[in-house]
Protein backbone atom coordinates (compact mmCIF):
# COMPACT_ATOMS: atom_id res chain seq x y z
CA GLN A 1 -5.55 13.81 -29.69
CA LYS A 2 -6.30 16.55 -26.38
CA ARG A 3 -3.23 18.29 -25.61
CA LYS A 4 -2.79 19.54 -22.16
CA LYS A 5 -3.22 22.49 -21.31
CA LYS A 6 0.22 24.15 -19.44
CA SER A 7 -0.54 25.00 -15.93
CA SER A 8 0.41 28.78 -15.09
CA ALA A 9 3.05 29.36 -12.22
CA LEU A 10 1.58 31.21 -9.00
CA THR A 11 3.29 34.59 -8.07
CA GLU A 12 3.34 32.91 -4.10
CA PRO A 13 2.99 29.09 -3.53
CA GLU A 14 -0.32 28.03 -1.72
CA GLN A 15 -0.22 26.13 1.24
CA CYS A 16 -3.05 23.38 1.87
CA PHE A 17 -4.30 24.33 5.29
CA GLN A 18 -4.70 20.80 6.43
CA CYS A 19 -1.58 18.82 5.91
CA GLY A 20 0.90 21.70 4.80
CA LYS A 21 1.54 20.37 1.20
CA VAL A 22 2.73 23.50 -1.29
CA PHE A 23 1.50 23.89 -4.51
CA HIS A 24 2.97 26.16 -6.99
CA TYR A 25 0.67 26.31 -10.17
CA LYS A 26 -2.52 27.00 -10.72
CA GLY A 27 -5.26 24.86 -9.92
CA TYR A 28 -3.51 22.33 -8.49
CA MET A 29 -4.26 23.40 -4.67
CA GLU A 30 -8.31 22.93 -5.53
CA LEU A 31 -7.80 19.33 -7.20
CA HIS A 32 -5.75 18.51 -3.79
CA LEU A 33 -8.41 19.48 -1.26
CA ARG A 34 -10.45 16.91 -2.90
CA THR A 35 -8.09 14.11 -1.44
CA HIS A 36 -9.44 15.70 2.25
CA SER A 37 -13.03 15.28 1.35
CA ASN A 38 -15.38 12.79 -0.29
CA TYR A 39 -15.96 15.02 -3.42
CA LYS A 40 -15.21 12.26 -6.22
CA PRO A 41 -17.02 13.81 -9.28
CA ILE A 42 -15.48 10.98 -11.18
CA SER A 43 -16.77 7.31 -12.26
CA CYS A 44 -15.01 4.26 -13.71
CA ASN A 45 -16.89 3.04 -16.56
CA VAL A 46 -16.53 -0.17 -15.71
CA CYS A 47 -17.08 -0.73 -12.00
CA ASN A 48 -18.38 2.51 -10.92
CA LYS A 49 -15.64 3.45 -8.44
CA ARG A 50 -15.07 6.85 -8.14
CA PHE A 51 -12.15 9.23 -7.98
CA SER A 52 -11.26 12.92 -7.16
CA GLN A 53 -9.25 13.14 -10.31
CA VAL A 54 -9.05 12.39 -13.87
CA SER A 55 -5.34 10.76 -13.27
CA ASN A 56 -6.37 8.63 -10.65
CA LEU A 57 -9.06 7.17 -12.95
CA ASN A 58 -6.66 6.64 -15.45
CA LEU A 59 -4.34 4.79 -13.19
CA HIS A 60 -7.43 2.53 -11.84
CA LEU A 61 -8.33 1.66 -15.35
CA ARG A 62 -5.26 -0.58 -15.29
CA THR A 63 -6.41 -2.70 -12.78
CA HIS A 64 -9.37 -3.47 -15.60
CA SER A 65 -7.15 -3.79 -18.36
CA LYS A 66 -4.20 -5.35 -16.85
CA GLU A 67 -1.49 -2.93 -18.28
CA LYS A 68 1.48 -2.97 -16.33
CA PRO A 69 3.93 -0.70 -18.49
CA PHE A 70 6.99 -0.12 -15.80
CA CYS A 71 9.26 -2.99 -15.51
CA CYS A 72 11.82 -3.87 -13.56
CA GLU A 73 15.28 -4.04 -14.54
CA LYS A 74 16.51 -6.31 -11.95
CA CYS A 75 13.87 -9.50 -12.69
CA PRO A 76 10.55 -10.03 -14.60
CA LYS A 77 8.34 -7.95 -12.07
CA MET A 78 5.71 -5.50 -14.11
CA PHE A 79 3.71 -2.76 -12.47
CA ALA A 80 1.11 -0.68 -12.86
CA THR A 81 2.48 2.54 -11.74
CA SER A 82 5.91 3.89 -11.39
CA SER A 83 5.34 4.47 -7.90
CA ASN A 84 4.66 0.64 -7.32
CA LEU A 85 8.04 0.19 -9.50
CA LYS A 86 9.84 2.13 -7.60
CA ALA A 87 8.79 0.87 -4.41
CA HIS A 88 9.87 -3.06 -5.99
CA LEU A 89 13.01 -1.64 -6.68
CA ARG A 90 14.41 -1.27 -2.95
CA THR A 91 13.58 -5.13 -2.37
CA HIS A 92 17.05 -5.32 -4.59
CA THR A 93 19.14 -3.00 -2.51
CA ASN A 94 19.43 -2.57 1.24
CA PHE A 95 17.92 0.78 0.75
CA ARG A 96 15.52 1.08 4.07
CA PRO A 97 14.46 4.96 4.12
CA PHE A 98 11.73 4.51 6.69
CA THR A 99 12.93 4.25 10.32
CA CYS A 100 10.65 3.68 13.26
CA ASN A 101 10.42 6.34 15.88
CA ALA A 102 10.48 4.34 18.89
CA CYS A 103 13.13 2.05 18.00
CA ASN A 104 15.25 2.93 15.21
CA ARG A 105 14.80 -0.02 13.30
CA THR A 106 14.36 0.87 9.41
CA PHE A 107 12.49 -0.22 6.64
CA LYS A 108 11.91 -0.83 2.71
CA SER A 109 8.51 0.27 2.50
CA THR A 110 5.94 2.42 4.45
CA THR A 111 3.59 -0.58 4.55
CA GLU A 112 6.23 -2.82 6.15
CA LEU A 113 7.04 0.56 9.03
CA LYS A 114 2.91 1.02 9.53
CA SER A 115 2.74 -3.14 10.08
CA HIS A 116 5.92 -3.12 12.28
CA GLU A 117 4.66 0.39 14.29
CA GLY A 118 1.79 -1.87 15.99
CA THR A 119 4.15 -4.15 17.89
CA HIS A 120 5.08 -1.28 19.86
CA SER A 121 1.20 -0.06 20.94
CA HIS A 122 0.92 -3.64 23.09
CA VAL A 123 -2.57 -3.27 21.53
CA LYS A 124 -3.50 -6.85 19.90
CA SER A 125 -6.59 -4.77 17.49
CA LYS A 126 -6.47 -7.74 15.14
CA ILE A 127 -9.35 -10.59 16.53
CA CYS A 128 -9.47 -13.80 15.04
CA LYS A 129 -13.48 -14.13 14.17
CA PHE A 130 -13.26 -18.07 15.39
CA CYS A 131 -11.99 -17.86 18.45
CA ASN A 132 -11.12 -14.49 19.37
CA LYS A 133 -7.35 -14.29 20.19
CA SER A 134 -6.40 -11.31 19.59
CA PHE A 135 -3.10 -10.08 17.43
CA TYR A 136 -0.95 -7.56 16.81
CA LYS A 137 -0.18 -7.88 13.33
CA THR A 138 -2.95 -8.88 10.42
CA SER A 139 -0.24 -10.93 9.55
CA TYR A 140 0.27 -13.07 12.89
CA LEU A 141 -4.07 -12.87 12.82
CA ASN A 142 -3.90 -14.57 9.32
CA VAL A 143 -1.20 -17.47 10.14
CA HIS A 144 -2.99 -18.55 12.96
CA ILE A 145 -6.61 -18.42 10.91
CA LYS A 146 -4.33 -20.77 8.10
CA ASN A 147 -2.73 -22.84 10.97
CA ILE A 148 -5.27 -23.43 14.01
CA HIS A 149 -9.07 -22.87 11.57
CA TYR A 150 -8.08 -24.35 8.29
CA GLY A 151 -5.66 -27.02 9.48
CA VAL A 152 -2.90 -26.29 6.46
CA GLN A 153 0.18 -28.36 7.82
CA LYS A 154 3.00 -28.54 5.26
CA TYR A 155 5.91 -30.08 7.33
CA ALA A 156 6.05 -34.26 7.70
CA CYS A 157 7.89 -35.54 10.49
CA GLU A 158 10.26 -38.24 8.66
CA ASN A 159 10.19 -40.47 11.72
CA CYS A 160 6.36 -40.95 12.66
CA ASN A 161 4.91 -39.48 9.17
CA LYS A 162 2.70 -36.68 11.67
CA SER A 163 2.24 -33.22 9.97
CA PHE A 164 2.54 -29.96 11.34
CA SER A 165 2.23 -26.23 10.30
CA ASN A 166 5.57 -24.95 11.24
CA SER A 167 9.31 -26.81 10.78
CA ARG A 168 10.32 -26.72 14.47
């Protein structure tokens, strides 16, 4: 079994000139700089996807093995990474640490925040490939495609037995 070599602390912390992240250990800055480039020397032996760091490959390998070692203590869900578990745990609380700069609305995840921020741009960049109608959010586009183009109709009127895509 290989033992990881302990990294030695730097006398002066190094700061990334591209994003400002600070590093206190030798070699960490060099590895980090790969995230700003396309340099990905490590590849997955299952699907050939390439990675900048061995740690990223190791996380990726869980997608092939279906390994999910991180368990939620509040529900039966399991996760491949601790960061996914941490994000999930917020679904069990009212903790909303991500704030929209435009309207101060708060969100439980960066994904929710980024999705919301698109509504402030007034640019409907999500285009339907069937009819060219445009939407602010991918989720709105997906609902449109499902309801209009694929005809998914989940609700039936009790009086006339007609089916509809929403319950109104």
